[in-house]
């Protein structure tokens, strides 16, 4: 009930956010990265597979969506669909090779294939090279809704995101999700029970890639451009950071992690200026140029003090408190 209440509260907050003065583009960017982190969490948190190549799926869908809308003149919904299908296909190919190995070897294969995709995007003429794919029009959804208006696009993205997160929740709590958890906990035992572990891991990888691509396609539609930065290995590291900071293996954690990291990236300069004006310490004014350092410090603090992540620690402490109360009542 508590989890459902938190989800309902979050949904209400997102509905009223633009009306309360929040910048729609910023909130949509947070939602896109929250879905990206949730897709990655489906793979590492519930299947136990660490991928260093998820940036490839985010970027491939973004480039395909932008190119389809800009050059082919397709509608935005078809552009997003094309980008998602591209990420699914790339995920199927990458997963086919990667799941044959485990541990660090799995991670290195995903990283190598992602870097290969990065250099393809760097050289391909349709991506714009280092300049990126610019000027992607939003168009009209189903030929009716004008997505050029930020508020209209915001509520469309919100509805789609709710459905995508609902799909992730359904996957996690389905028999398929239970098998993934079993594989994560003890793959040998899962195999002894008759489950084809490699098949389940491949399906989880493809689903994670498709959802990550869906996030990338929506991000391109929202921002109107796609750049090489999304395909670089640092983006894969960023989504790992979001998941670990928020809480790996929790449904709410990646959302919190994405909010923290994206807010730091976009608003660290403003935060530093505000701190400098309050404390009169000029060093805070340079925080905007030290995003990587600050996020690194946050990661170290989380690893040392909140090893389960922000949400993971809250859930663990709440569970411990509830258990203590139960034992106290039993003793009485």
C-alpha atoms as a PDB file:
ATOM      1  CA  UNK A   1       0.000   0.000   0.000  1.00  0.00           C
ATOM      2  CA  UNK A   2       2.866   2.358   0.804  1.00  0.00           C
ATOM      3  CA  UNK A   3       4.453   1.741  -2.590  1.00  0.00           C
ATOM      4  CA  UNK A   4       1.166   2.345  -4.389  1.00  0.00           C
ATOM      5  CA  UNK A   5       0.652   5.544  -2.395  1.00  0.00           C
ATOM      6  CA  UNK A   6       4.105   6.781  -3.384  1.00  0.00           C
ATOM      7  CA  UNK A   7       3.438   6.056  -7.052  1.00  0.00           C
ATOM      8  CA  UNK A   8       0.082   7.878  -6.857  1.00  0.00           C
ATOM      9  CA  UNK A   9       1.731  10.850  -5.151  1.00  0.00           C
ATOM     10  CA  UNK A  10       4.458  10.958  -7.791  1.00  0.00           C
ATOM     11  CA  UNK A  11       1.882  10.837 -10.583  1.00  0.00           C
ATOM     12  CA  UNK A  12      -0.103  13.703  -9.074  1.00  0.00           C
ATOM     13  CA  UNK A  13       3.096  15.731  -8.666  1.00  0.00           C
ATOM     14  CA  UNK A  14       4.004  15.148 -12.315  1.00  0.00           C
ATOM     15  CA  UNK A  15       0.526  16.134 -13.495  1.00  0.00           C
ATOM     16  CA  UNK A  16       0.582  19.462 -11.671  1.00  0.00           C
ATOM     17  CA  UNK A  17       4.317  20.164 -12.146  1.00  0.00           C
ATOM     18  CA  UNK A  18       4.009  22.385 -15.259  1.00  0.00           C
ATOM     19  CA  UNK A  19       1.063  24.210 -13.727  1.00  0.00           C
ATOM     20  CA  UNK A  20       3.131  24.860 -10.592  1.00  0.00           C
ATOM     21  CA  UNK A  21       5.948  26.497 -12.556  1.00  0.00           C
ATOM     22  CA  UNK A  22       8.226  23.552 -13.390  1.00  0.00           C
ATOM     23  CA  UNK A  23       9.990  23.777 -16.760  1.00  0.00           C
ATOM     24  CA  UNK A  24       8.331  21.116 -18.967  1.00  0.00           C
ATOM     25  CA  UNK A  25      11.455  20.374 -21.025  1.00  0.00           C
ATOM     26  CA  UNK A  26      13.509  19.696 -17.912  1.00  0.00           C
ATOM     27  CA  UNK A  27      10.876  17.377 -16.412  1.00  0.00           C
ATOM     28  CA  UNK A  28      10.540  15.501 -19.707  1.00  0.00           C
ATOM     29  CA  UNK A  29      14.317  15.062 -19.843  1.00  0.00           C
ATOM     30  CA  UNK A  30      14.254  13.637 -16.307  1.00  0.00           C
ATOM     31  CA  UNK A  31      11.445  11.251 -17.299  1.00  0.00           C
ATOM     32  CA  UNK A  32      13.392  10.029 -20.331  1.00  0.00           C
ATOM     33  CA  UNK A  33      16.488   9.295 -18.261  1.00  0.00           C
ATOM     34  CA  UNK A  34      14.332   7.734 -15.534  1.00  0.00           C
ATOM     35  CA  UNK A  35      12.974   5.286 -18.113  1.00  0.00           C
ATOM     36  CA  UNK A  36      16.511   4.689 -19.387  1.00  0.00           C
ATOM     37  CA  UNK A  37      17.702   3.893 -15.862  1.00  0.00           C
ATOM     38  CA  UNK A  38      14.658   1.696 -15.189  1.00  0.00           C
ATOM     39  CA  UNK A  39      15.375  -0.268 -18.373  1.00  0.00           C
ATOM     40  CA  UNK A  40      18.965  -0.769 -17.254  1.00  0.00           C
ATOM     41  CA  UNK A  41      17.779  -1.742 -13.770  1.00  0.00           C
ATOM     42  CA  UNK A  42      15.592  -4.457 -15.317  1.00  0.00           C
ATOM     43  CA  UNK A  43      18.791  -6.044 -16.583  1.00  0.00           C
ATOM     44  CA  UNK A  44      21.190  -5.563 -13.666  1.00  0.00           C
ATOM     45  CA  UNK A  45      18.792  -5.354 -10.736  1.00  0.00           C
ATOM     46  CA  UNK A  46      16.511  -8.256 -11.630  1.00  0.00           C
ATOM     47  CA  UNK A  47      18.659 -10.412 -13.923  1.00  0.00           C
ATOM     48  CA  UNK A  48      22.129  -9.741 -12.527  1.00  0.00           C
ATOM     49  CA  UNK A  49      23.719  -8.734 -15.857  1.00  0.00           C
ATOM     50  CA  UNK A  50      25.982  -5.685 -15.892  1.00  0.00           C
ATOM     51  CA  UNK A  51      26.009  -4.015 -19.306  1.00  0.00           C
ATOM     52  CA  UNK A  52      28.497  -1.286 -20.201  1.00  0.00           C
ATOM     53  CA  UNK A  53      26.882  -0.736 -23.604  1.00  0.00           C
ATOM     54  CA  UNK A  54      23.383   0.592 -22.984  1.00  0.00           C
ATOM     55  CA  UNK A  55      24.346   3.952 -24.475  1.00  0.00           C
ATOM     56  CA  UNK A  56      24.269   2.283 -27.896  1.00  0.00           C
ATOM     57  CA  UNK A  57      20.553   1.523 -27.579  1.00  0.00           C
ATOM     58  CA  UNK A  58      19.701   5.015 -26.353  1.00  0.00           C
ATOM     59  CA  UNK A  59      21.604   6.647 -29.202  1.00  0.00           C
ATOM     60  CA  UNK A  60      20.612   4.263 -32.012  1.00  0.00           C
ATOM     61  CA  UNK A  61      16.931   4.818 -31.286  1.00  0.00           C
ATOM     62  CA  UNK A  62      17.491   8.565 -31.001  1.00  0.00           C
ATOM     63  CA  UNK A  63      19.300   8.788 -34.338  1.00  0.00           C
ATOM     64  CA  UNK A  64      16.768   6.569 -36.099  1.00  0.00           C
ATOM     65  CA  UNK A  65      13.830   8.545 -34.732  1.00  0.00           C
ATOM     66  CA  UNK A  66      15.372  11.890 -35.654  1.00  0.00           C
ATOM     67  CA  UNK A  67      16.368  10.776 -39.143  1.00  0.00           C
ATOM     68  CA  UNK A  68      12.996   9.175 -39.877  1.00  0.00           C
ATOM     69  CA  UNK A  69      11.075  12.276 -38.810  1.00  0.00           C
ATOM     70  CA  UNK A  70      13.411  14.818 -40.394  1.00  0.00           C
ATOM     71  CA  UNK A  71      14.427  13.105 -43.645  1.00  0.00           C
ATOM     72  CA  UNK A  72      11.577  10.714 -44.344  1.00  0.00           C
ATOM     73  CA  UNK A  73       8.855  13.016 -43.094  1.00  0.00           C
ATOM     74  CA  UNK A  74       7.118  10.348 -41.008  1.00  0.00           C
ATOM     75  CA  UNK A  75       4.795  11.212 -38.140  1.00  0.00           C
ATOM     76  CA  UNK A  76       6.285  11.354 -34.611  1.00  0.00           C
ATOM     77  CA  UNK A  77       4.621   8.137 -33.457  1.00  0.00           C
ATOM     78  CA  UNK A  78       6.083   6.241 -36.437  1.00  0.00           C
ATOM     79  CA  UNK A  79       9.466   7.838 -35.824  1.00  0.00           C
ATOM     80  CA  UNK A  80       9.486   6.732 -32.181  1.00  0.00           C
ATOM     81  CA  UNK A  81       8.362   3.258 -33.260  1.00  0.00           C
ATOM     82  CA  UNK A  82      11.174   3.067 -35.834  1.00  0.00           C
ATOM     83  CA  UNK A  83      13.729   4.082 -33.218  1.00  0.00           C
ATOM     84  CA  UNK A  84      12.450   1.552 -30.688  1.00  0.00           C
ATOM     85  CA  UNK A  85      12.486  -1.273 -33.243  1.00  0.00           C
ATOM     86  CA  UNK A  86      16.063  -0.321 -34.165  1.00  0.00           C
ATOM     87  CA  UNK A  87      17.117  -0.572 -30.524  1.00  0.00           C
ATOM     88  CA  UNK A  88      15.320  -3.906 -30.177  1.00  0.00           C
ATOM     89  CA  UNK A  89      17.136  -5.298 -33.220  1.00  0.00           C
ATOM     90  CA  UNK A  90      20.497  -4.025 -31.992  1.00  0.00           C
ATOM     91  CA  UNK A  91      19.757  -5.461 -28.550  1.00  0.00           C
ATOM     92  CA  UNK A  92      18.907  -8.840 -30.056  1.00  0.00           C
ATOM     93  CA  UNK A  93      22.222  -8.942 -31.928  1.00  0.00           C
ATOM     94  CA  UNK A  94      24.295  -7.677 -29.002  1.00  0.00           C
ATOM     95  CA  UNK A  95      22.575  -9.998 -26.546  1.00  0.00           C
ATOM     96  CA  UNK A  96      23.116 -13.001 -28.827  1.00  0.00           C
ATOM     97  CA  UNK A  97      26.883 -12.578 -28.540  1.00  0.00           C
ATOM     98  CA  UNK A  98      27.087 -11.194 -24.996  1.00  0.00           C
ATOM     99  CA  UNK A  99      25.072 -13.794 -23.047  1.00  0.00           C
ATOM    100  CA  UNK A 100      27.520 -16.492 -24.106  1.00  0.00           C
ATOM    101  CA  UNK A 101      29.851 -15.069 -21.452  1.00  0.00           C
ATOM    102  CA  UNK A 102      29.405 -14.091 -17.817  1.00  0.00           C
ATOM    103  CA  UNK A 103      30.701 -11.501 -15.383  1.00  0.00           C
ATOM    104  CA  UNK A 104      33.344  -9.081 -16.581  1.00  0.00           C
ATOM    105  CA  UNK A 105      33.520 -10.778 -19.980  1.00  0.00           C
ATOM    106  CA  UNK A 106      29.832 -10.052 -20.561  1.00  0.00           C
ATOM    107  CA  UNK A 107      30.371  -6.413 -19.591  1.00  0.00           C
ATOM    108  CA  UNK A 108      33.406  -6.031 -21.863  1.00  0.00           C
ATOM    109  CA  UNK A 109      31.581  -7.512 -24.873  1.00  0.00           C
ATOM    110  CA  UNK A 110      28.723  -5.034 -24.445  1.00  0.00           C
ATOM    111  CA  UNK A 111      31.217  -2.184 -24.094  1.00  0.00           C
ATOM    112  CA  UNK A 112      33.141  -3.242 -27.209  1.00  0.00           C
ATOM    113  CA  UNK A 113      30.007  -3.526 -29.339  1.00  0.00           C
ATOM    114  CA  UNK A 114      28.734  -0.174 -28.032  1.00  0.00           C
ATOM    115  CA  UNK A 115      32.010   1.515 -28.967  1.00  0.00           C
ATOM    116  CA  UNK A 116      31.734  -0.033 -32.423  1.00  0.00           C
ATOM    117  CA  UNK A 117      28.289   1.548 -32.752  1.00  0.00           C
ATOM    118  CA  UNK A 118      29.727   4.868 -31.537  1.00  0.00           C
ATOM    119  CA  UNK A 119      32.382   4.934 -34.273  1.00  0.00           C
ATOM    120  CA  UNK A 120      29.767   4.005 -36.881  1.00  0.00           C
ATOM    121  CA  UNK A 121      27.689   6.998 -35.804  1.00  0.00           C
ATOM    122  CA  UNK A 122      30.809   9.165 -35.858  1.00  0.00           C
ATOM    123  CA  UNK A 123      31.512   8.300 -39.499  1.00  0.00           C
ATOM    124  CA  UNK A 124      27.983   7.853 -40.887  1.00  0.00           C
ATOM    125  CA  UNK A 125      26.780  10.806 -42.988  1.00  0.00           C
ATOM    126  CA  UNK A 126      23.172  10.767 -41.747  1.00  0.00           C
ATOM    127  CA  UNK A 127      24.174  11.371 -38.103  1.00  0.00           C
ATOM    128  CA  UNK A 128      25.855  14.728 -38.708  1.00  0.00           C
ATOM    129  CA  UNK A 129      29.117  13.498 -37.183  1.00  0.00           C
ATOM    130  CA  UNK A 130      30.364  15.599 -34.286  1.00  0.00           C
ATOM    131  CA  UNK A 131      27.687  18.223 -34.973  1.00  0.00           C
ATOM    132  CA  UNK A 132      24.920  15.722 -34.287  1.00  0.00           C
ATOM    133  CA  UNK A 133      21.483  15.428 -35.853  1.00  0.00           C
ATOM    134  CA  UNK A 134      19.896  18.846 -35.404  1.00  0.00           C
ATOM    135  CA  UNK A 135      16.500  20.408 -36.066  1.00  0.00           C
ATOM    136  CA  UNK A 136      14.244  17.381 -35.577  1.00  0.00           C
ATOM    137  CA  UNK A 137      10.616  18.613 -35.878  1.00  0.00           C
ATOM    138  CA  UNK A 138       8.019  17.409 -33.395  1.00  0.00           C
ATOM    139  CA  UNK A 139       5.119  17.367 -35.839  1.00  0.00           C
ATOM    140  CA  UNK A 140       1.569  16.330 -34.970  1.00  0.00           C
ATOM    141  CA  UNK A 141       0.680  13.160 -33.074  1.00  0.00           C
ATOM    142  CA  UNK A 142      -1.698  11.084 -35.226  1.00  0.00           C
ATOM    143  CA  UNK A 143      -2.086  14.235 -37.315  1.00  0.00           C
ATOM    144  CA  UNK A 144      -4.142  15.890 -34.561  1.00  0.00           C
ATOM    145  CA  UNK A 145      -2.129  16.926 -31.482  1.00  0.00           C
ATOM    146  CA  UNK A 146       0.409  19.682 -32.093  1.00  0.00           C
ATOM    147  CA  UNK A 147       3.540  18.527 -30.278  1.00  0.00           C
ATOM    148  CA  UNK A 148       5.215  21.850 -30.992  1.00  0.00           C
ATOM    149  CA  UNK A 149       3.575  23.147 -27.810  1.00  0.00           C
ATOM    150  CA  UNK A 150       5.657  22.123 -24.803  1.00  0.00           C
ATOM    151  CA  UNK A 151       2.645  21.578 -22.564  1.00  0.00           C
ATOM    152  CA  UNK A 152       0.919  19.285 -25.065  1.00  0.00           C
ATOM    153  CA  UNK A 153       4.087  17.258 -25.590  1.00  0.00           C
ATOM    154  CA  UNK A 154       4.617  17.075 -21.830  1.00  0.00           C
ATOM    155  CA  UNK A 155       1.315  15.366 -21.124  1.00  0.00           C
ATOM    156  CA  UNK A 156       1.745  13.031 -24.110  1.00  0.00           C
ATOM    157  CA  UNK A 157       5.181  12.021 -22.824  1.00  0.00           C
ATOM    158  CA  UNK A 158       3.781  11.626 -19.300  1.00  0.00           C
ATOM    159  CA  UNK A 159       1.037   9.244 -20.463  1.00  0.00           C
ATOM    160  CA  UNK A 160       3.507   7.207 -22.513  1.00  0.00           C
ATOM    161  CA  UNK A 161       5.980   7.075 -19.622  1.00  0.00           C
ATOM    162  CA  UNK A 162       3.306   5.848 -17.198  1.00  0.00           C
ATOM    163  CA  UNK A 163       2.491   3.029 -19.622  1.00  0.00           C
ATOM    164  CA  UNK A 164       6.181   2.169 -20.042  1.00  0.00           C
ATOM    165  CA  UNK A 165       6.787   2.083 -16.280  1.00  0.00           C
ATOM    166  CA  UNK A 166       3.628   0.014 -15.897  1.00  0.00           C
ATOM    167  CA  UNK A 167       5.078  -2.476 -18.371  1.00  0.00           C
ATOM    168  CA  UNK A 168       8.277  -2.721 -16.319  1.00  0.00           C
ATOM    169  CA  UNK A 169       6.278  -3.314 -13.129  1.00  0.00           C
ATOM    170  CA  UNK A 170       4.261  -5.996 -14.897  1.00  0.00           C
ATOM    171  CA  UNK A 171       7.422  -7.702 -16.175  1.00  0.00           C
ATOM    172  CA  UNK A 172       9.043  -7.696 -12.730  1.00  0.00           C
ATOM    173  CA  UNK A 173       5.987  -9.176 -10.998  1.00  0.00           C
ATOM    174  CA  UNK A 174       5.180 -11.721 -13.698  1.00  0.00           C
ATOM    175  CA  UNK A 175       6.305 -15.379 -13.744  1.00  0.00           C
ATOM    176  CA  UNK A 176       8.911 -14.290 -16.294  1.00  0.00           C
ATOM    177  CA  UNK A 177      10.258 -11.768 -13.775  1.00  0.00           C
ATOM    178  CA  UNK A 178      10.351 -14.416 -11.064  1.00  0.00           C
ATOM    179  CA  UNK A 179      12.484 -16.617 -13.306  1.00  0.00           C
ATOM    180  CA  UNK A 180      14.854 -13.699 -13.931  1.00  0.00           C
ATOM    181  CA  UNK A 181      15.209 -13.213 -10.181  1.00  0.00           C
ATOM    182  CA  UNK A 182      15.889 -16.910  -9.745  1.00  0.00           C
ATOM    183  CA  UNK A 183      18.612 -16.750 -12.386  1.00  0.00           C
ATOM    184  CA  UNK A 184      20.144 -13.751 -10.636  1.00  0.00           C
ATOM    185  CA  UNK A 185      20.160 -15.487  -7.268  1.00  0.00           C
ATOM    186  CA  UNK A 186      21.303 -18.936  -8.397  1.00  0.00           C
ATOM    187  CA  UNK A 187      21.584 -19.648 -12.106  1.00  0.00           C
ATOM    188  CA  UNK A 188      22.692 -23.271 -11.614  1.00  0.00           C
ATOM    189  CA  UNK A 189      19.622 -24.052  -9.549  1.00  0.00           C
ATOM    190  CA  UNK A 190      17.350 -22.356 -12.111  1.00  0.00           C
ATOM    191  CA  UNK A 191      18.892 -24.510 -14.850  1.00  0.00           C
ATOM    192  CA  UNK A 192      18.437 -27.631 -12.726  1.00  0.00           C
ATOM    193  CA  UNK A 193      14.725 -26.804 -12.488  1.00  0.00           C
ATOM    194  CA  UNK A 194      14.483 -26.921 -16.260  1.00  0.00           C
ATOM    195  CA  UNK A 195      14.688 -23.239 -17.218  1.00  0.00           C
ATOM    196  CA  UNK A 196      16.739 -22.214 -20.246  1.00  0.00           C
ATOM    197  CA  UNK A 197      18.787 -19.528 -18.510  1.00  0.00           C
ATOM    198  CA  UNK A 198      20.434 -18.195 -21.678  1.00  0.00           C
ATOM    199  CA  UNK A 199      17.068 -17.756 -23.373  1.00  0.00           C
ATOM    200  CA  UNK A 200      15.632 -15.852 -20.426  1.00  0.00           C
ATOM    201  CA  UNK A 201      18.726 -13.664 -20.162  1.00  0.00           C
ATOM    202  CA  UNK A 202      18.582 -12.911 -23.880  1.00  0.00           C
ATOM    203  CA  UNK A 203      14.912 -11.951 -23.638  1.00  0.00           C
ATOM    204  CA  UNK A 204      15.647  -9.721 -20.643  1.00  0.00           C
ATOM    205  CA  UNK A 205      18.490  -8.088 -22.555  1.00  0.00           C
ATOM    206  CA  UNK A 206      16.277  -7.412 -25.582  1.00  0.00           C
ATOM    207  CA  UNK A 207      13.482  -5.987 -23.419  1.00  0.00           C
ATOM    208  CA  UNK A 208      15.955  -3.746 -21.604  1.00  0.00           C
ATOM    209  CA  UNK A 209      17.454  -2.572 -24.899  1.00  0.00           C
ATOM    210  CA  UNK A 210      14.019  -1.852 -26.354  1.00  0.00           C
ATOM    211  CA  UNK A 211      12.929   0.204 -23.339  1.00  0.00           C
ATOM    212  CA  UNK A 212      16.246   2.071 -23.350  1.00  0.00           C
ATOM    213  CA  UNK A 213      15.731   2.780 -27.048  1.00  0.00           C
ATOM    214  CA  UNK A 214      12.204   3.976 -26.380  1.00  0.00           C
ATOM    215  CA  UNK A 215      13.624   6.451 -23.865  1.00  0.00           C
ATOM    216  CA  UNK A 216      16.178   7.628 -26.433  1.00  0.00           C
ATOM    217  CA  UNK A 217      13.534   8.053 -29.134  1.00  0.00           C
ATOM    218  CA  UNK A 218      11.353  10.160 -26.839  1.00  0.00           C
ATOM    219  CA  UNK A 219      14.358  12.247 -25.760  1.00  0.00           C
ATOM    220  CA  UNK A 220      15.158  13.094 -29.374  1.00  0.00           C
ATOM    221  CA  UNK A 221      11.545  14.084 -29.981  1.00  0.00           C
ATOM    222  CA  UNK A 222      11.532  16.248 -26.842  1.00  0.00           C
ATOM    223  CA  UNK A 223      14.865  18.018 -27.350  1.00  0.00           C
ATOM    224  CA  UNK A 224      14.825  18.127 -31.147  1.00  0.00           C
ATOM    225  CA  UNK A 225      18.349  16.784 -31.612  1.00  0.00           C
ATOM    226  CA  UNK A 226      20.592  13.768 -31.089  1.00  0.00           C
ATOM    227  CA  UNK A 227      24.350  13.915 -30.498  1.00  0.00           C
ATOM    228  CA  UNK A 228      27.305  11.567 -30.203  1.00  0.00           C
ATOM    229  CA  UNK A 229      27.378  12.139 -26.456  1.00  0.00           C
ATOM    230  CA  UNK A 230      24.478   9.718 -26.046  1.00  0.00           C
ATOM    231  CA  UNK A 231      26.444   6.977 -27.827  1.00  0.00           C
ATOM    232  CA  UNK A 232      29.673   7.455 -25.875  1.00  0.00           C
ATOM    233  CA  UNK A 233      30.676   5.038 -23.093  1.00  0.00           C
ATOM    234  CA  UNK A 234      30.298   7.755 -20.445  1.00  0.00           C
ATOM    235  CA  UNK A 235      26.516   7.633 -20.953  1.00  0.00           C
ATOM    236  CA  UNK A 236      26.586   3.935 -20.090  1.00  0.00           C
ATOM    237  CA  UNK A 237      28.499   4.868 -16.957  1.00  0.00           C
ATOM    238  CA  UNK A 238      25.975   7.580 -16.193  1.00  0.00           C
ATOM    239  CA  UNK A 239      23.024   5.169 -16.248  1.00  0.00           C
ATOM    240  CA  UNK A 240      24.930   2.806 -13.956  1.00  0.00           C
ATOM    241  CA  UNK A 241      25.453   5.731 -11.580  1.00  0.00           C
ATOM    242  CA  UNK A 242      21.742   6.632 -11.684  1.00  0.00           C
ATOM    243  CA  UNK A 243      20.747   3.070 -10.862  1.00  0.00           C
ATOM    244  CA  UNK A 244      23.233   2.644  -8.026  1.00  0.00           C
ATOM    245  CA  UNK A 245      22.498   6.038  -6.452  1.00  0.00           C
ATOM    246  CA  UNK A 246      18.736   5.474  -6.565  1.00  0.00           C
ATOM    247  CA  UNK A 247      18.780   1.835  -5.544  1.00  0.00           C
ATOM    248  CA  UNK A 248      19.508  -1.188  -7.713  1.00  0.00           C
ATOM    249  CA  UNK A 249      16.806  -3.839  -7.732  1.00  0.00           C
ATOM    250  CA  UNK A 250      14.042  -1.424  -6.701  1.00  0.00           C
ATOM    251  CA  UNK A 251      11.344  -0.052  -8.972  1.00  0.00           C
ATOM    252  CA  UNK A 252      11.427   3.462  -7.546  1.00  0.00           C
ATOM    253  CA  UNK A 253      15.216   3.750  -7.220  1.00  0.00           C
ATOM    254  CA  UNK A 254      16.173   4.480 -10.861  1.00  0.00           C
ATOM    255  CA  UNK A 255      13.602   7.299 -10.969  1.00  0.00           C
ATOM    256  CA  UNK A 256      15.150   8.931  -7.899  1.00  0.00           C
ATOM    257  CA  UNK A 257      18.661   8.363  -9.235  1.00  0.00           C
ATOM    258  CA  UNK A 258      17.798   9.936 -12.597  1.00  0.00           C
ATOM    259  CA  UNK A 259      16.246  12.933 -10.847  1.00  0.00           C
ATOM    260  CA  UNK A 260      19.360  13.464  -8.707  1.00  0.00           C
ATOM    261  CA  UNK A 261      21.914  13.111 -11.512  1.00  0.00           C
ATOM    262  CA  UNK A 262      20.024  15.075 -14.194  1.00  0.00           C
ATOM    263  CA  UNK A 263      19.266  17.850 -11.707  1.00  0.00           C
ATOM    264  CA  UNK A 264      22.952  18.070 -10.829  1.00  0.00           C
ATOM    265  CA  UNK A 265      23.954  18.195 -14.493  1.00  0.00           C
ATOM    266  CA  UNK A 266      21.423  20.889 -15.373  1.00  0.00           C
ATOM    267  CA  UNK A 267      21.212  22.926 -12.197  1.00  0.00           C
ATOM    268  CA  UNK A 268      24.581  22.553 -10.470  1.00  0.00           C
ATOM    269  CA  UNK A 269      25.671  26.016 -11.593  1.00  0.00           C
ATOM    270  CA  UNK A 270      22.531  27.602 -10.126  1.00  0.00           C
ATOM    271  CA  UNK A 271      22.944  25.597  -6.915  1.00  0.00           C
ATOM    272  CA  UNK A 272      26.559  26.738  -6.625  1.00  0.00           C
ATOM    273  CA  UNK A 273      25.619  30.377  -7.168  1.00  0.00           C
ATOM    274  CA  UNK A 274      22.908  30.138  -4.499  1.00  0.00           C
ATOM    275  CA  UNK A 275      25.332  28.559  -2.017  1.00  0.00           C
ATOM    276  CA  UNK A 276      27.937  31.228  -2.785  1.00  0.00           C
ATOM    277  CA  UNK A 277      25.441  34.014  -2.117  1.00  0.00           C
ATOM    278  CA  UNK A 278      24.399  32.452   1.207  1.00  0.00           C
ATOM    279  CA  UNK A 279      27.797  31.375   2.519  1.00  0.00           C
ATOM    280  CA  UNK A 280      29.903  34.060   0.732  1.00  0.00           C
ATOM    281  CA  UNK A 281      32.320  31.323  -0.341  1.00  0.00           C
ATOM    282  CA  UNK A 282      33.390  32.071  -3.920  1.00  0.00           C
ATOM    283  CA  UNK A 283      34.514  28.491  -4.523  1.00  0.00           C
ATOM    284  CA  UNK A 284      30.877  27.398  -4.807  1.00  0.00           C
ATOM    285  CA  UNK A 285      30.466  29.516  -7.951  1.00  0.00           C
ATOM    286  CA  UNK A 286      32.668  27.081  -9.860  1.00  0.00           C
ATOM    287  CA  UNK A 287      30.495  24.052  -9.143  1.00  0.00           C
ATOM    288  CA  UNK A 288      28.835  24.346 -12.538  1.00  0.00           C
ATOM    289  CA  UNK A 289      32.159  23.448 -14.180  1.00  0.00           C
ATOM    290  CA  UNK A 290      32.738  20.451 -11.900  1.00  0.00           C
ATOM    291  CA  UNK A 291      29.721  18.249 -12.608  1.00  0.00           C
ATOM    292  CA  UNK A 292      31.805  15.103 -13.066  1.00  0.00           C
ATOM    293  CA  UNK A 293      33.676  15.685  -9.814  1.00  0.00           C
ATOM    294  CA  UNK A 294      30.492  16.317  -7.835  1.00  0.00           C
ATOM    295  CA  UNK A 295      28.715  13.249  -9.239  1.00  0.00           C
ATOM    296  CA  UNK A 296      31.819  11.203  -8.443  1.00  0.00           C
ATOM    297  CA  UNK A 297      31.761  12.415  -4.849  1.00  0.00           C
ATOM    298  CA  UNK A 298      28.048  11.553  -4.610  1.00  0.00           C
ATOM    299  CA  UNK A 299      28.780   8.074  -5.955  1.00  0.00           C
ATOM    300  CA  UNK A 300      31.525   7.550  -3.351  1.00  0.00           C
ATOM    301  CA  UNK A 301      29.249   8.738  -0.547  1.00  0.00           C
ATOM    302  CA  UNK A 302      26.447   6.422  -1.693  1.00  0.00           C
ATOM    303  CA  UNK A 303      28.803   3.443  -1.913  1.00  0.00           C
ATOM    304  CA  UNK A 304      30.173   4.098   1.572  1.00  0.00           C
ATOM    305  CA  UNK A 305      27.030   5.230   3.396  1.00  0.00           C
ATOM    306  CA  UNK A 306      24.092   4.007   1.264  1.00  0.00           C
ATOM    307  CA  UNK A 307      25.256   0.772  -0.334  1.00  0.00           C
ATOM    308  CA  UNK A 308      21.695  -0.139  -1.298  1.00  0.00           C
ATOM    309  CA  UNK A 309      21.104   3.296  -2.831  1.00  0.00           C
ATOM    310  CA  UNK A 310      18.759   5.984  -1.554  1.00  0.00           C
ATOM    311  CA  UNK A 311      15.525   4.059  -2.033  1.00  0.00           C
ATOM    312  CA  UNK A 312      17.119   0.734  -1.121  1.00  0.00           C
ATOM    313  CA  UNK A 313      18.251   2.085   2.240  1.00  0.00           C
ATOM    314  CA  UNK A 314      14.833   3.591   2.946  1.00  0.00           C
ATOM    315  CA  UNK A 315      13.124   0.283   2.143  1.00  0.00           C
ATOM    316  CA  UNK A 316      15.613  -1.689   4.258  1.00  0.00           C
ATOM    317  CA  UNK A 317      15.278   0.622   7.260  1.00  0.00           C
ATOM    318  CA  UNK A 318      11.485   0.669   6.967  1.00  0.00           C
ATOM    319  CA  UNK A 319      11.467  -3.133   6.842  1.00  0.00           C
ATOM    320  CA  UNK A 320      13.728  -3.334   9.895  1.00  0.00           C
ATOM    321  CA  UNK A 321      11.498  -0.891  11.784  1.00  0.00           C
ATOM    322  CA  UNK A 322       8.378  -2.859  10.841  1.00  0.00           C
ATOM    323  CA  UNK A 323      10.016  -6.101  11.955  1.00  0.00           C
ATOM    324  CA  UNK A 324      11.006  -4.565  15.285  1.00  0.00           C
ATOM    325  CA  UNK A 325       7.443  -3.403  15.888  1.00  0.00           C
ATOM    326  CA  UNK A 326       6.090  -6.858  15.040  1.00  0.00           C
ATOM    327  CA  UNK A 327       8.495  -8.532  17.476  1.00  0.00           C
ATOM    328  CA  UNK A 328       7.605  -5.973  20.149  1.00  0.00           C
ATOM    329  CA  UNK A 329       3.884  -6.685  19.769  1.00  0.00           C
ATOM    330  CA  UNK A 330       4.540 -10.440  19.822  1.00  0.00           C
ATOM    331  CA  UNK A 331       6.494 -10.065  23.046  1.00  0.00           C
ATOM    332  CA  UNK A 332       3.661  -8.147  24.641  1.00  0.00           C
END
